[in-house]
């Protein structure tokens, strides 16, 4: 199974990013092969608006089955729902701890979605 997480840097020692749509990178991890890769999210992160939707499409294009994130906007969640991707809430800033928690069935589904910022420049 392939899972994705928003991360601050493109290295395994990085931290889970608190922002989904504006995360600099996504780590895609295969729970069967234990291999990981980093996907650059700079186009969505730098966009004036719609970052969550753009980032969600980027993640969906990686053929992942699960996204683990601290929070997610409603529009991005709609993309994930349409793609059949399940959302889980991260409980740690550590990538390794987050992946281990998922593999041990210790993460809860992400059910609280925020409305998003919709191009207001974070204001």
PDB file of N, CA and C in Angstrom:
ATOM      1  N   UNK A   1       0.833  -1.170   0.000  1.00  0.00           N
ATOM      2  CA  UNK A   1       0.000   0.000   0.000  1.00  0.00           C
ATOM      3  C   UNK A   1       0.886   1.245   0.000  1.00  0.00           C
ATOM      4  N   UNK A   2       0.500   2.219  -0.804  1.00  0.00           N
ATOM      5  CA  UNK A   2       1.247   3.473  -0.851  1.00  0.00           C
ATOM      6  C   UNK A   2       0.524   4.536  -0.032  1.00  0.00           C
ATOM      7  N   UNK A   3       1.303   5.191   0.825  1.00  0.00           N
ATOM      8  CA  UNK A   3       0.768   6.267   1.645  1.00  0.00           C
ATOM      9  C   UNK A   3       1.562   7.536   1.356  1.00  0.00           C
ATOM     10  N   UNK A   4       0.962   8.685   1.640  1.00  0.00           N
ATOM     11  CA  UNK A   4       1.631   9.967   1.426  1.00  0.00           C
ATOM     12  C   UNK A   4       1.505  10.826   2.673  1.00  0.00           C
ATOM     13  N   UNK A   5       2.534  11.652   2.887  1.00  0.00           N
ATOM     14  CA  UNK A   5       2.537  12.600   3.990  1.00  0.00           C
ATOM     15  C   UNK A   5       3.105  13.928   3.492  1.00  0.00           C
ATOM     16  N   UNK A   6       2.547  15.074   3.942  1.00  0.00           N
ATOM     17  CA  UNK A   6       3.165  16.358   3.617  1.00  0.00           C
ATOM     18  C   UNK A   6       4.380  16.536   4.523  1.00  0.00           C
ATOM     19  N   UNK A   7       5.533  16.889   3.941  1.00  0.00           N
ATOM     20  CA  UNK A   7       6.753  17.013   4.736  1.00  0.00           C
ATOM     21  C   UNK A   7       7.476  18.327   4.431  1.00  0.00           C
ATOM     22  N   UNK A   8       8.266  18.771   5.414  1.00  0.00           N
ATOM     23  CA  UNK A   8       8.962  20.050   5.301  1.00  0.00           C
ATOM     24  C   UNK A   8      10.213  20.000   4.429  1.00  0.00           C
ATOM     25  N   UNK A   9      10.868  18.845   4.380  1.00  0.00           N
ATOM     26  CA  UNK A   9      12.097  18.705   3.599  1.00  0.00           C
ATOM     27  C   UNK A   9      12.080  17.358   2.882  1.00  0.00           C
ATOM     28  N   UNK A  10      12.898  17.242   1.843  1.00  0.00           N
ATOM     29  CA  UNK A  10      12.936  15.985   1.082  1.00  0.00           C
ATOM     30  C   UNK A  10      13.980  15.028   1.640  1.00  0.00           C
ATOM     31  N   UNK A  11      13.839  14.732   2.936  1.00  0.00           N
ATOM     32  CA  UNK A  11      14.693  13.734   3.589  1.00  0.00           C
ATOM     33  C   UNK A  11      13.894  13.052   4.691  1.00  0.00           C
ATOM     34  N   UNK A  12      14.218  11.814   4.971  1.00  0.00           N
ATOM     35  CA  UNK A  12      13.462  10.994   5.913  1.00  0.00           C
ATOM     36  C   UNK A  12      13.502  11.564   7.328  1.00  0.00           C
ATOM     37  N   UNK A  13      14.535  12.343   7.653  1.00  0.00           N
ATOM     38  CA  UNK A  13      14.653  12.926   8.985  1.00  0.00           C
ATOM     39  C   UNK A  13      13.824  14.194   9.127  1.00  0.00           C
ATOM     40  N   UNK A  14      13.117  14.582   8.091  1.00  0.00           N
ATOM     41  CA  UNK A  14      12.306  15.782   8.099  1.00  0.00           C
ATOM     42  C   UNK A  14      11.109  15.613   9.033  1.00  0.00           C
ATOM     43  N   UNK A  15      10.286  16.646   9.076  1.00  0.00           N
ATOM     44  CA  UNK A  15       9.090  16.611   9.900  1.00  0.00           C
ATOM     45  C   UNK A  15       7.843  16.662   9.021  1.00  0.00           C
ATOM     46  N   UNK A  16       6.747  16.181   9.582  1.00  0.00           N
ATOM     47  CA  UNK A  16       5.452  16.272   8.916  1.00  0.00           C
ATOM     48  C   UNK A  16       5.067  17.749   8.890  1.00  0.00           C
ATOM     49  N   UNK A  17       4.701  18.249   7.727  1.00  0.00           N
ATOM     50  CA  UNK A  17       4.346  19.657   7.564  1.00  0.00           C
ATOM     51  C   UNK A  17       2.929  19.895   8.101  1.00  0.00           C
ATOM     52  N   UNK A  18       2.750  21.003   8.816  1.00  0.00           N
ATOM     53  CA  UNK A  18       1.435  21.314   9.379  1.00  0.00           C
ATOM     54  C   UNK A  18       0.444  21.761   8.313  1.00  0.00           C
ATOM     55  N   UNK A  19       0.942  22.223   7.169  1.00  0.00           N
ATOM     56  CA  UNK A  19       0.073  22.670   6.092  1.00  0.00           C
ATOM     57  C   UNK A  19       0.070  21.628   4.981  1.00  0.00           C
ATOM     58  N   UNK A  20      -1.102  21.159   4.595  1.00  0.00           N
ATOM     59  CA  UNK A  20      -1.167  20.185   3.518  1.00  0.00           C
ATOM     60  C   UNK A  20      -0.863  20.825   2.164  1.00  0.00           C
ATOM     61  N   UNK A  21      -1.680  21.763   1.744  1.00  0.00           N
ATOM     62  CA  UNK A  21      -1.562  22.336   0.405  1.00  0.00           C
ATOM     63  C   UNK A  21      -0.284  23.089   0.153  1.00  0.00           C
ATOM     64  N   UNK A  22       0.276  23.685   1.202  1.00  0.00           N
ATOM     65  CA  UNK A  22       1.490  24.482   1.054  1.00  0.00           C
ATOM     66  C   UNK A  22       2.740  23.736   1.523  1.00  0.00           C
ATOM     67  N   UNK A  23       2.626  22.445   1.722  1.00  0.00           N
ATOM     68  CA  UNK A  23       3.802  21.639   2.086  1.00  0.00           C
ATOM     69  C   UNK A  23       4.821  21.692   0.947  1.00  0.00           C
ATOM     70  N   UNK A  24       6.099  21.856   1.266  1.00  0.00           N
ATOM     71  CA  UNK A  24       7.110  21.895   0.205  1.00  0.00           C
ATOM     72  C   UNK A  24       7.244  20.578  -0.558  1.00  0.00           C
ATOM     73  N   UNK A  25       7.035  19.462   0.152  1.00  0.00           N
ATOM     74  CA  UNK A  25       7.191  18.135  -0.451  1.00  0.00           C
ATOM     75  C   UNK A  25       6.136  17.183   0.095  1.00  0.00           C
ATOM     76  N   UNK A  26       5.944  16.092  -0.612  1.00  0.00           N
ATOM     77  CA  UNK A  26       5.179  14.957  -0.105  1.00  0.00           C
ATOM     78  C   UNK A  26       6.099  13.753  -0.133  1.00  0.00           C
ATOM     79  N   UNK A  27       6.058  12.967   0.927  1.00  0.00           N
ATOM     80  CA  UNK A  27       6.772  11.705   0.922  1.00  0.00           C
ATOM     81  C   UNK A  27       5.756  10.623   0.586  1.00  0.00           C
ATOM     82  N   UNK A  28       6.076   9.817  -0.395  1.00  0.00           N
ATOM     83  CA  UNK A  28       5.257   8.670  -0.757  1.00  0.00           C
ATOM     84  C   UNK A  28       6.016   7.437  -0.282  1.00  0.00           C
ATOM     85  N   UNK A  29       5.339   6.636   0.522  1.00  0.00           N
ATOM     86  CA  UNK A  29       5.969   5.473   1.150  1.00  0.00           C
ATOM     87  C   UNK A  29       5.166   4.223   0.814  1.00  0.00           C
ATOM     88  N   UNK A  30       5.864   3.192   0.390  1.00  0.00           N
ATOM     89  CA  UNK A  30       5.238   1.916   0.073  1.00  0.00           C
ATOM     90  C   UNK A  30       5.400   0.998   1.286  1.00  0.00           C
ATOM     91  N   UNK A  31       4.297   0.639   1.921  1.00  0.00           N
ATOM     92  CA  UNK A  31       4.372  -0.155   3.152  1.00  0.00           C
ATOM     93  C   UNK A  31       4.830  -1.590   2.901  1.00  0.00           C
ATOM     94  N   UNK A  32       4.750  -2.060   1.659  1.00  0.00           N
ATOM     95  CA  UNK A  32       5.191  -3.425   1.356  1.00  0.00           C
ATOM     96  C   UNK A  32       6.685  -3.478   1.061  1.00  0.00           C
ATOM     97  N   UNK A  33       7.172  -2.545   0.231  1.00  0.00           N
ATOM     98  CA  UNK A  33       8.588  -2.576  -0.149  1.00  0.00           C
ATOM     99  C   UNK A  33       9.458  -1.771   0.806  1.00  0.00           C
ATOM    100  N   UNK A  34       8.825  -0.928   1.647  1.00  0.00           N
ATOM    101  CA  UNK A  34       9.520  -0.045   2.595  1.00  0.00           C
ATOM    102  C   UNK A  34      10.348   1.020   1.879  1.00  0.00           C
ATOM    103  N   UNK A  35      10.029   1.265   0.614  1.00  0.00           N
ATOM    104  CA  UNK A  35      10.719   2.293  -0.168  1.00  0.00           C
ATOM    105  C   UNK A  35       9.950   3.604  -0.076  1.00  0.00           C
ATOM    106  N   UNK A  36      10.683   4.714  -0.171  1.00  0.00           N
ATOM    107  CA  UNK A  36      10.022   6.008  -0.155  1.00  0.00           C
ATOM    108  C   UNK A  36      10.624   6.905  -1.231  1.00  0.00           C
ATOM    109  N   UNK A  37       9.833   7.894  -1.628  1.00  0.00           N
ATOM    110  CA  UNK A  37      10.311   8.906  -2.562  1.00  0.00           C
ATOM    111  C   UNK A  37       9.671  10.229  -2.164  1.00  0.00           C
ATOM    112  N   UNK A  38      10.289  11.317  -2.596  1.00  0.00           N
ATOM    113  CA  UNK A  38       9.779  12.644  -2.291  1.00  0.00           C
ATOM    114  C   UNK A  38       9.300  13.309  -3.572  1.00  0.00           C
ATOM    115  N   UNK A  39       8.129  13.925  -3.490  1.00  0.00           N
ATOM    116  CA  UNK A  39       7.515  14.612  -4.613  1.00  0.00           C
ATOM    117  C   UNK A  39       7.532  16.105  -4.324  1.00  0.00           C
ATOM    118  N   UNK A  40       8.038  16.886  -5.246  1.00  0.00           N
ATOM    119  CA  UNK A  40       8.116  18.341  -5.109  1.00  0.00           C
ATOM    120  C   UNK A  40       6.720  18.950  -5.266  1.00  0.00           C
ATOM    121  N   UNK A  41       6.318  19.753  -4.289  1.00  0.00           N
ATOM    122  CA  UNK A  41       5.011  20.405  -4.316  1.00  0.00           C
ATOM    123  C   UNK A  41       5.142  21.918  -4.483  1.00  0.00           C
ATOM    124  N   UNK A  42       6.264  22.383  -5.018  1.00  0.00           N
ATOM    125  CA  UNK A  42       6.523  23.822  -5.071  1.00  0.00           C
ATOM    126  C   UNK A  42       5.512  24.586  -5.921  1.00  0.00           C
ATOM    127  N   UNK A  43       4.985  23.982  -6.980  1.00  0.00           N
ATOM    128  CA  UNK A  43       4.008  24.686  -7.814  1.00  0.00           C
ATOM    129  C   UNK A  43       2.734  24.995  -7.035  1.00  0.00           C
ATOM    130  N   UNK A  44       2.214  24.011  -6.327  1.00  0.00           N
ATOM    131  CA  UNK A  44       1.007  24.249  -5.524  1.00  0.00           C
ATOM    132  C   UNK A  44       1.314  25.162  -4.343  1.00  0.00           C
ATOM    133  N   UNK A  45       2.450  24.930  -3.683  1.00  0.00           N
ATOM    134  CA  UNK A  45       2.800  25.714  -2.499  1.00  0.00           C
ATOM    135  C   UNK A  45       2.930  27.197  -2.812  1.00  0.00           C
ATOM    136  N   UNK A  46       3.374  27.534  -4.015  1.00  0.00           N
ATOM    137  CA  UNK A  46       3.598  28.932  -4.392  1.00  0.00           C
ATOM    138  C   UNK A  46       2.385  29.568  -5.058  1.00  0.00           C
ATOM    139  N   UNK A  47       1.332  28.819  -5.285  1.00  0.00           N
ATOM    140  CA  UNK A  47       0.186  29.366  -6.011  1.00  0.00           C
ATOM    141  C   UNK A  47      -0.576  30.371  -5.148  1.00  0.00           C
ATOM    142  N   UNK A  48      -1.212  31.321  -5.808  1.00  0.00           N
ATOM    143  CA  UNK A  48      -1.994  32.340  -5.110  1.00  0.00           C
ATOM    144  C   UNK A  48      -3.225  31.744  -4.439  1.00  0.00           C
ATOM    145  N   UNK A  49      -3.847  30.815  -5.087  1.00  0.00           N
ATOM    146  CA  UNK A  49      -5.041  30.173  -4.539  1.00  0.00           C
ATOM    147  C   UNK A  49      -5.156  28.765  -5.067  1.00  0.00           C
ATOM    148  N   UNK A  50      -5.989  27.974  -4.415  1.00  0.00           N
ATOM    149  CA  UNK A  50      -6.207  26.600  -4.868  1.00  0.00           C
ATOM    150  C   UNK A  50      -5.063  25.661  -4.587  1.00  0.00           C
ATOM    151  N   UNK A  51      -4.199  26.021  -3.619  1.00  0.00           N
ATOM    152  CA  UNK A  51      -3.044  25.169  -3.323  1.00  0.00           C
ATOM    153  C   UNK A  51      -3.468  23.772  -2.884  1.00  0.00           C
ATOM    154  N   UNK A  52      -4.513  23.690  -2.076  1.00  0.00           N
ATOM    155  CA  UNK A  52      -4.960  22.385  -1.591  1.00  0.00           C
ATOM    156  C   UNK A  52      -5.432  21.478  -2.703  1.00  0.00           C
ATOM    157  N   UNK A  53      -6.190  22.041  -3.652  1.00  0.00           N
ATOM    158  CA  UNK A  53      -6.686  21.241  -4.769  1.00  0.00           C
ATOM    159  C   UNK A  53      -5.526  20.776  -5.642  1.00  0.00           C
ATOM    160  N   UNK A  54      -4.590  21.683  -5.938  1.00  0.00           N
ATOM    161  CA  UNK A  54      -3.432  21.319  -6.761  1.00  0.00           C
ATOM    162  C   UNK A  54      -2.591  20.253  -6.070  1.00  0.00           C
ATOM    163  N   UNK A  55      -2.362  20.421  -4.772  1.00  0.00           N
ATOM    164  CA  UNK A  55      -1.567  19.444  -4.023  1.00  0.00           C
ATOM    165  C   UNK A  55      -2.297  18.101  -3.956  1.00  0.00           C
ATOM    166  N   UNK A  56      -3.614  18.147  -3.771  1.00  0.00           N
ATOM    167  CA  UNK A  56      -4.393  16.906  -3.707  1.00  0.00           C
ATOM    168  C   UNK A  56      -4.301  16.139  -5.021  1.00  0.00           C
ATOM    169  N   UNK A  57      -4.356  16.854  -6.139  1.00  0.00           N
ATOM    170  CA  UNK A  57      -4.248  16.184  -7.436  1.00  0.00           C
ATOM    171  C   UNK A  57      -2.860  15.581  -7.620  1.00  0.00           C
ATOM    172  N   UNK A  58      -1.829  16.310  -7.169  1.00  0.00           N
ATOM    173  CA  UNK A  58      -0.459  15.793  -7.236  1.00  0.00           C
ATOM    174  C   UNK A  58      -0.341  14.490  -6.446  1.00  0.00           C
ATOM    175  N   UNK A  59      -0.905  14.466  -5.244  1.00  0.00           N
ATOM    176  CA  UNK A  59      -0.870  13.261  -4.411  1.00  0.00           C
ATOM    177  C   UNK A  59      -1.676  12.137  -5.069  1.00  0.00           C
ATOM    178  N   UNK A  60      -2.866  12.464  -5.554  1.00  0.00           N
ATOM    179  CA  UNK A  60      -3.706  11.441  -6.195  1.00  0.00           C
ATOM    180  C   UNK A  60      -3.002  10.834  -7.409  1.00  0.00           C
ATOM    181  N   UNK A  61      -2.237  11.642  -8.134  1.00  0.00           N
ATOM    182  CA  UNK A  61      -1.502  11.154  -9.304  1.00  0.00           C
ATOM    183  C   UNK A  61      -0.419  10.137  -8.941  1.00  0.00           C
ATOM    184  N   UNK A  62      -0.055  10.065  -7.668  1.00  0.00           N
ATOM    185  CA  UNK A  62       0.980   9.115  -7.219  1.00  0.00           C
ATOM    186  C   UNK A  62       0.402   7.732  -6.923  1.00  0.00           C
ATOM    187  N   UNK A  63      -0.902   7.560  -7.142  1.00  0.00           N
ATOM    188  CA  UNK A  63      -1.575   6.267  -6.929  1.00  0.00           C
ATOM    189  C   UNK A  63      -1.518   5.812  -5.464  1.00  0.00           C
ATOM    190  N   UNK A  64      -1.580   6.769  -4.537  1.00  0.00           N
ATOM    191  CA  UNK A  64      -1.578   6.409  -3.119  1.00  0.00           C
ATOM    192  C   UNK A  64      -2.981   6.012  -2.689  1.00  0.00           C
ATOM    193  N   UNK A  65      -3.043   5.250  -1.612  1.00  0.00           N
ATOM    194  CA  UNK A  65      -4.330   4.824  -1.067  1.00  0.00           C
ATOM    195  C   UNK A  65      -4.688   5.579   0.197  1.00  0.00           C
ATOM    196  N   UNK A  66      -3.662   6.204   0.832  1.00  0.00           N
ATOM    197  CA  UNK A  66      -3.854   6.875   2.116  1.00  0.00           C
ATOM    198  C   UNK A  66      -3.033   8.152   2.152  1.00  0.00           C
ATOM    199  N   UNK A  67      -3.616   9.203   2.714  1.00  0.00           N
ATOM    200  CA  UNK A  67      -2.884  10.429   3.028  1.00  0.00           C
ATOM    201  C   UNK A  67      -2.939  10.614   4.536  1.00  0.00           C
ATOM    202  N   UNK A  68      -1.776  10.872   5.136  1.00  0.00           N
ATOM    203  CA  UNK A  68      -1.699  11.158   6.568  1.00  0.00           C
ATOM    204  C   UNK A  68      -1.262  12.610   6.701  1.00  0.00           C
ATOM    205  N   UNK A  69      -2.076  13.431   7.366  1.00  0.00           N
ATOM    206  CA  UNK A  69      -1.802  14.857   7.460  1.00  0.00           C
ATOM    207  C   UNK A  69      -2.406  15.420   8.742  1.00  0.00           C
ATOM    208  N   UNK A  70      -1.820  16.509   9.268  1.00  0.00           N
ATOM    209  CA  UNK A  70      -2.407  17.110  10.466  1.00  0.00           C
ATOM    210  C   UNK A  70      -3.771  17.740  10.204  1.00  0.00           C
ATOM    211  N   UNK A  71      -3.950  18.298   8.984  1.00  0.00           N
ATOM    212  CA  UNK A  71      -5.221  18.928   8.640  1.00  0.00           C
ATOM    213  C   UNK A  71      -5.367  18.968   7.126  1.00  0.00           C
ATOM    214  N   UNK A  72      -6.605  19.172   6.702  1.00  0.00           N
ATOM    215  CA  UNK A  72      -6.886  19.168   5.272  1.00  0.00           C
ATOM    216  C   UNK A  72      -8.118  20.025   5.021  1.00  0.00           C
ATOM    217  N   UNK A  73      -8.116  20.749   3.913  1.00  0.00           N
ATOM    218  CA  UNK A  73      -9.256  21.572   3.536  1.00  0.00           C
ATOM    219  C   UNK A  73     -10.337  20.764   2.845  1.00  0.00           C
ATOM    220  N   UNK A  74     -11.534  21.337   2.839  1.00  0.00           N
ATOM    221  CA  UNK A  74     -12.686  20.653   2.255  1.00  0.00           C
ATOM    222  C   UNK A  74     -12.501  20.364   0.765  1.00  0.00           C
ATOM    223  N   UNK A  75     -11.962  21.316   0.015  1.00  0.00           N
ATOM    224  CA  UNK A  75     -11.806  21.116  -1.434  1.00  0.00           C
ATOM    225  C   UNK A  75     -10.811  20.006  -1.736  1.00  0.00           C
ATOM    226  N   UNK A  76      -9.703  19.982  -1.015  1.00  0.00           N
ATOM    227  CA  UNK A  76      -8.731  18.908  -1.203  1.00  0.00           C
ATOM    228  C   UNK A  76      -9.345  17.568  -0.807  1.00  0.00           C
ATOM    229  N   UNK A  77     -10.107  17.554   0.277  1.00  0.00           N
ATOM    230  CA  UNK A  77     -10.740  16.316   0.732  1.00  0.00           C
ATOM    231  C   UNK A  77     -11.699  15.772  -0.323  1.00  0.00           C
ATOM    232  N   UNK A  78     -12.360  16.667  -1.071  1.00  0.00           N
ATOM    233  CA  UNK A  78     -13.250  16.220  -2.143  1.00  0.00           C
ATOM    234  C   UNK A  78     -12.463  15.510  -3.242  1.00  0.00           C
ATOM    235  N   UNK A  79     -11.262  16.027  -3.554  1.00  0.00           N
ATOM    236  CA  UNK A  79     -10.401  15.373  -4.549  1.00  0.00           C
ATOM    237  C   UNK A  79     -10.033  13.976  -4.061  1.00  0.00           C
ATOM    238  N   UNK A  80      -9.656  13.877  -2.785  1.00  0.00           N
ATOM    239  CA  UNK A  80      -9.275  12.576  -2.232  1.00  0.00           C
ATOM    240  C   UNK A  80     -10.447  11.606  -2.216  1.00  0.00           C
ATOM    241  N   UNK A  81     -11.606  12.100  -1.861  1.00  0.00           N
ATOM    242  CA  UNK A  81     -12.790  11.249  -1.835  1.00  0.00           C
ATOM    243  C   UNK A  81     -13.077  10.694  -3.230  1.00  0.00           C
ATOM    244  N   UNK A  82     -13.009  11.552  -4.230  1.00  0.00           N
ATOM    245  CA  UNK A  82     -13.266  11.128  -5.613  1.00  0.00           C
ATOM    246  C   UNK A  82     -12.232  10.101  -6.072  1.00  0.00           C
ATOM    247  N   UNK A  83     -11.000  10.206  -5.550  1.00  0.00           N
ATOM    248  CA  UNK A  83      -9.929   9.282  -5.941  1.00  0.00           C
ATOM    249  C   UNK A  83      -9.892   8.029  -5.066  1.00  0.00           C
ATOM    250  N   UNK A  84     -10.767   7.960  -4.062  1.00  0.00           N
ATOM    251  CA  UNK A  84     -10.790   6.788  -3.187  1.00  0.00           C
ATOM    252  C   UNK A  84      -9.637   6.752  -2.200  1.00  0.00           C
ATOM    253  N   UNK A  85      -9.065   7.909  -1.884  1.00  0.00           N
ATOM    254  CA  UNK A  85      -7.930   7.990  -0.954  1.00  0.00           C
ATOM    255  C   UNK A  85      -8.459   8.273   0.449  1.00  0.00           C
ATOM    256  N   UNK A  86      -8.040   7.467   1.406  1.00  0.00           N
ATOM    257  CA  UNK A  86      -8.469   7.625   2.795  1.00  0.00           C
ATOM    258  C   UNK A  86      -7.572   8.635   3.504  1.00  0.00           C
ATOM    259  N   UNK A  87      -8.160   9.424   4.398  1.00  0.00           N
ATOM    260  CA  UNK A  87      -7.430  10.437   5.150  1.00  0.00           C
ATOM    261  C   UNK A  87      -7.285  10.014   6.606  1.00  0.00           C
ATOM    262  N   UNK A  88      -6.051  10.148   7.117  1.00  0.00           N
ATOM    263  CA  UNK A  88      -5.778   9.877   8.528  1.00  0.00           C
ATOM    264  C   UNK A  88      -5.074  11.072   9.132  1.00  0.00           C
ATOM    265  N   UNK A  89      -5.319  11.290  10.423  1.00  0.00           N
ATOM    266  CA  UNK A  89      -4.712  12.415  11.130  1.00  0.00           C
ATOM    267  C   UNK A  89      -3.367  12.005  11.714  1.00  0.00           C
ATOM    268  N   UNK A  90      -2.331  12.790  11.413  1.00  0.00           N
ATOM    269  CA  UNK A  90      -1.010  12.510  11.984  1.00  0.00           C
ATOM    270  C   UNK A  90      -1.019  12.895  13.461  1.00  0.00           C
ATOM    271  N   UNK A  91      -0.207  12.205  14.241  1.00  0.00           N
ATOM    272  CA  UNK A  91      -0.157  12.459  15.683  1.00  0.00           C
ATOM    273  C   UNK A  91       1.242  12.854  16.140  1.00  0.00           C
ATOM    274  N   UNK A  92       2.178  12.926  15.229  1.00  0.00           N
ATOM    275  CA  UNK A  92       3.559  13.246  15.567  1.00  0.00           C
ATOM    276  C   UNK A  92       4.146  14.075  14.439  1.00  0.00           C
ATOM    277  N   UNK A  93       5.173  14.870  14.756  1.00  0.00           N
ATOM    278  CA  UNK A  93       5.866  15.591  13.694  1.00  0.00           C
ATOM    279  C   UNK A  93       6.942  14.723  13.053  1.00  0.00           C
ATOM    280  N   UNK A  94       7.271  13.596  13.661  1.00  0.00           N
ATOM    281  CA  UNK A  94       8.275  12.687  13.121  1.00  0.00           C
ATOM    282  C   UNK A  94       7.679  11.830  12.011  1.00  0.00           C
ATOM    283  N   UNK A  95       8.351  11.822  10.862  1.00  0.00           N
ATOM    284  CA  UNK A  95       7.900  10.981   9.750  1.00  0.00           C
ATOM    285  C   UNK A  95       7.914   9.510  10.163  1.00  0.00           C
ATOM    286  N   UNK A  96       9.021   9.076  10.773  1.00  0.00           N
ATOM    287  CA  UNK A  96       9.146   7.663  11.142  1.00  0.00           C
ATOM    288  C   UNK A  96       8.075   7.251  12.148  1.00  0.00           C
ATOM    289  N   UNK A  97       7.812   8.110  13.158  1.00  0.00           N
ATOM    290  CA  UNK A  97       6.791   7.781  14.157  1.00  0.00           C
ATOM    291  C   UNK A  97       5.405   7.750  13.523  1.00  0.00           C
ATOM    292  N   UNK A  98       5.163   8.650  12.591  1.00  0.00           N
ATOM    293  CA  UNK A  98       3.864   8.700  11.931  1.00  0.00           C
ATOM    294  C   UNK A  98       3.629   7.449  11.094  1.00  0.00           C
ATOM    295  N   UNK A  99       4.627   7.048  10.330  1.00  0.00           N
ATOM    296  CA  UNK A  99       4.505   5.835   9.516  1.00  0.00           C
ATOM    297  C   UNK A  99       4.318   4.614  10.414  1.00  0.00           C
ATOM    298  N   UNK A 100       5.095   4.536  11.493  1.00  0.00           N
ATOM    299  CA  UNK A 100       4.962   3.404  12.420  1.00  0.00           C
ATOM    300  C   UNK A 100       3.574   3.371  13.049  1.00  0.00           C
ATOM    301  N   UNK A 101       3.049   4.521  13.424  1.00  0.00           N
ATOM    302  CA  UNK A 101       1.707   4.582  14.017  1.00  0.00           C
ATOM    303  C   UNK A 101       0.667   4.088  13.018  1.00  0.00           C
ATOM    304  N   UNK A 102       0.817   4.461  11.748  1.00  0.00           N
ATOM    305  CA  UNK A 102      -0.115   3.982  10.718  1.00  0.00           C
ATOM    306  C   UNK A 102      -0.012   2.469  10.569  1.00  0.00           C
ATOM    307  N   UNK A 103       1.210   1.966  10.480  1.00  0.00           N
ATOM    308  CA  UNK A 103       1.402   0.527  10.280  1.00  0.00           C
ATOM    309  C   UNK A 103       0.892  -0.289  11.471  1.00  0.00           C
ATOM    310  N   UNK A 104       0.817   0.342  12.656  1.00  0.00           N
ATOM    311  CA  UNK A 104       0.319  -0.332  13.856  1.00  0.00           C
ATOM    312  C   UNK A 104      -1.149   0.002  14.135  1.00  0.00           C
ATOM    313  N   UNK A 105      -1.837   0.539  13.125  1.00  0.00           N
ATOM    314  CA  UNK A 105      -3.261   0.882  13.241  1.00  0.00           C
ATOM    315  C   UNK A 105      -3.556   1.811  14.413  1.00  0.00           C
ATOM    316  N   UNK A 106      -2.673   2.791  14.631  1.00  0.00           N
ATOM    317  CA  UNK A 106      -2.836   3.709  15.761  1.00  0.00           C
ATOM    318  C   UNK A 106      -3.294   5.104  15.340  1.00  0.00           C
ATOM    319  N   UNK A 107      -3.603   5.303  14.069  1.00  0.00           N
ATOM    320  CA  UNK A 107      -4.051   6.613  13.612  1.00  0.00           C
ATOM    321  C   UNK A 107      -5.559   6.613  13.391  1.00  0.00           C
ATOM    322  N   UNK A 108      -6.178   7.731  13.747  1.00  0.00           N
ATOM    323  CA  UNK A 108      -7.622   7.884  13.556  1.00  0.00           C
ATOM    324  C   UNK A 108      -7.889   8.533  12.202  1.00  0.00           C
ATOM    325  N   UNK A 109      -9.029   8.241  11.620  1.00  0.00           N
ATOM    326  CA  UNK A 109      -9.392   8.932  10.376  1.00  0.00           C
ATOM    327  C   UNK A 109      -9.461  10.445  10.612  1.00  0.00           C
ATOM    328  N   UNK A 110      -9.089  11.197   9.608  1.00  0.00           N
ATOM    329  CA  UNK A 110      -9.173  12.659   9.677  1.00  0.00           C
ATOM    330  C   UNK A 110     -10.596  13.034   9.280  1.00  0.00           C
ATOM    331  N   UNK A 111     -11.355  13.526  10.228  1.00  0.00           N
ATOM    332  CA  UNK A 111     -12.758  13.847   9.968  1.00  0.00           C
ATOM    333  C   UNK A 111     -13.028  15.346  10.031  1.00  0.00           C
ATOM    334  N   UNK A 112     -12.174  16.102  10.724  1.00  0.00           N
ATOM    335  CA  UNK A 112     -12.373  17.544  10.816  1.00  0.00           C
ATOM    336  C   UNK A 112     -11.659  18.221   9.648  1.00  0.00           C
ATOM    337  N   UNK A 113     -12.437  18.831   8.782  1.00  0.00           N
ATOM    338  CA  UNK A 113     -11.886  19.510   7.615  1.00  0.00           C
ATOM    339  C   UNK A 113     -12.112  21.009   7.786  1.00  0.00           C
ATOM    340  N   UNK A 114     -11.160  21.799   7.310  1.00  0.00           N
ATOM    341  CA  UNK A 114     -11.355  23.249   7.396  1.00  0.00           C
ATOM    342  C   UNK A 114     -11.774  23.788   6.038  1.00  0.00           C
ATOM    343  N   UNK A 115     -12.345  24.977   6.053  1.00  0.00           N
ATOM    344  CA  UNK A 115     -12.886  25.564   4.824  1.00  0.00           C
ATOM    345  C   UNK A 115     -11.793  25.960   3.847  1.00  0.00           C
ATOM    346  N   UNK A 116     -10.577  26.154   4.317  1.00  0.00           N
ATOM    347  CA  UNK A 116      -9.483  26.579   3.436  1.00  0.00           C
ATOM    348  C   UNK A 116      -9.386  28.087   3.396  1.00  0.00           C
ATOM    349  N   UNK A 117      -8.373  28.577   2.732  1.00  0.00           N
ATOM    350  CA  UNK A 117      -8.114  30.016   2.712  1.00  0.00           C
ATOM    351  C   UNK A 117      -8.524  30.658   1.406  1.00  0.00           C
ATOM    352  N   UNK A 118      -8.706  29.872   0.365  1.00  0.00           N
ATOM    353  CA  UNK A 118      -9.277  30.308  -0.899  1.00  0.00           C
ATOM    354  C   UNK A 118      -8.683  31.592  -1.468  1.00  0.00           C
ATOM    355  N   UNK A 119      -7.359  31.676  -1.498  1.00  0.00           N
ATOM    356  CA  UNK A 119      -6.692  32.766  -2.210  1.00  0.00           C
ATOM    357  C   UNK A 119      -6.671  34.091  -1.484  1.00  0.00           C
ATOM    358  N   UNK A 120      -6.898  34.090  -0.188  1.00  0.00           N
ATOM    359  CA  UNK A 120      -6.867  35.343   0.555  1.00  0.00           C
ATOM    360  C   UNK A 120      -5.471  35.682   1.059  1.00  0.00           C
ATOM    361  N   UNK A 121      -4.483  34.984   0.554  1.00  0.00           N
ATOM    362  CA  UNK A 121      -3.104  35.264   0.959  1.00  0.00           C
ATOM    363  C   UNK A 121      -2.837  34.968   2.419  1.00  0.00           C
ATOM    364  N   UNK A 122      -3.612  34.062   2.998  1.00  0.00           N
ATOM    365  CA  UNK A 122      -3.405  33.676   4.383  1.00  0.00           C
ATOM    366  C   UNK A 122      -3.937  34.702   5.372  1.00  0.00           C
ATOM    367  N   UNK A 123      -4.673  35.694   4.886  1.00  0.00           N
ATOM    368  CA  UNK A 123      -5.175  36.744   5.781  1.00  0.00           C
ATOM    369  C   UNK A 123      -6.518  36.392   6.346  1.00  0.00           C
TER     370      UNK A 123
END
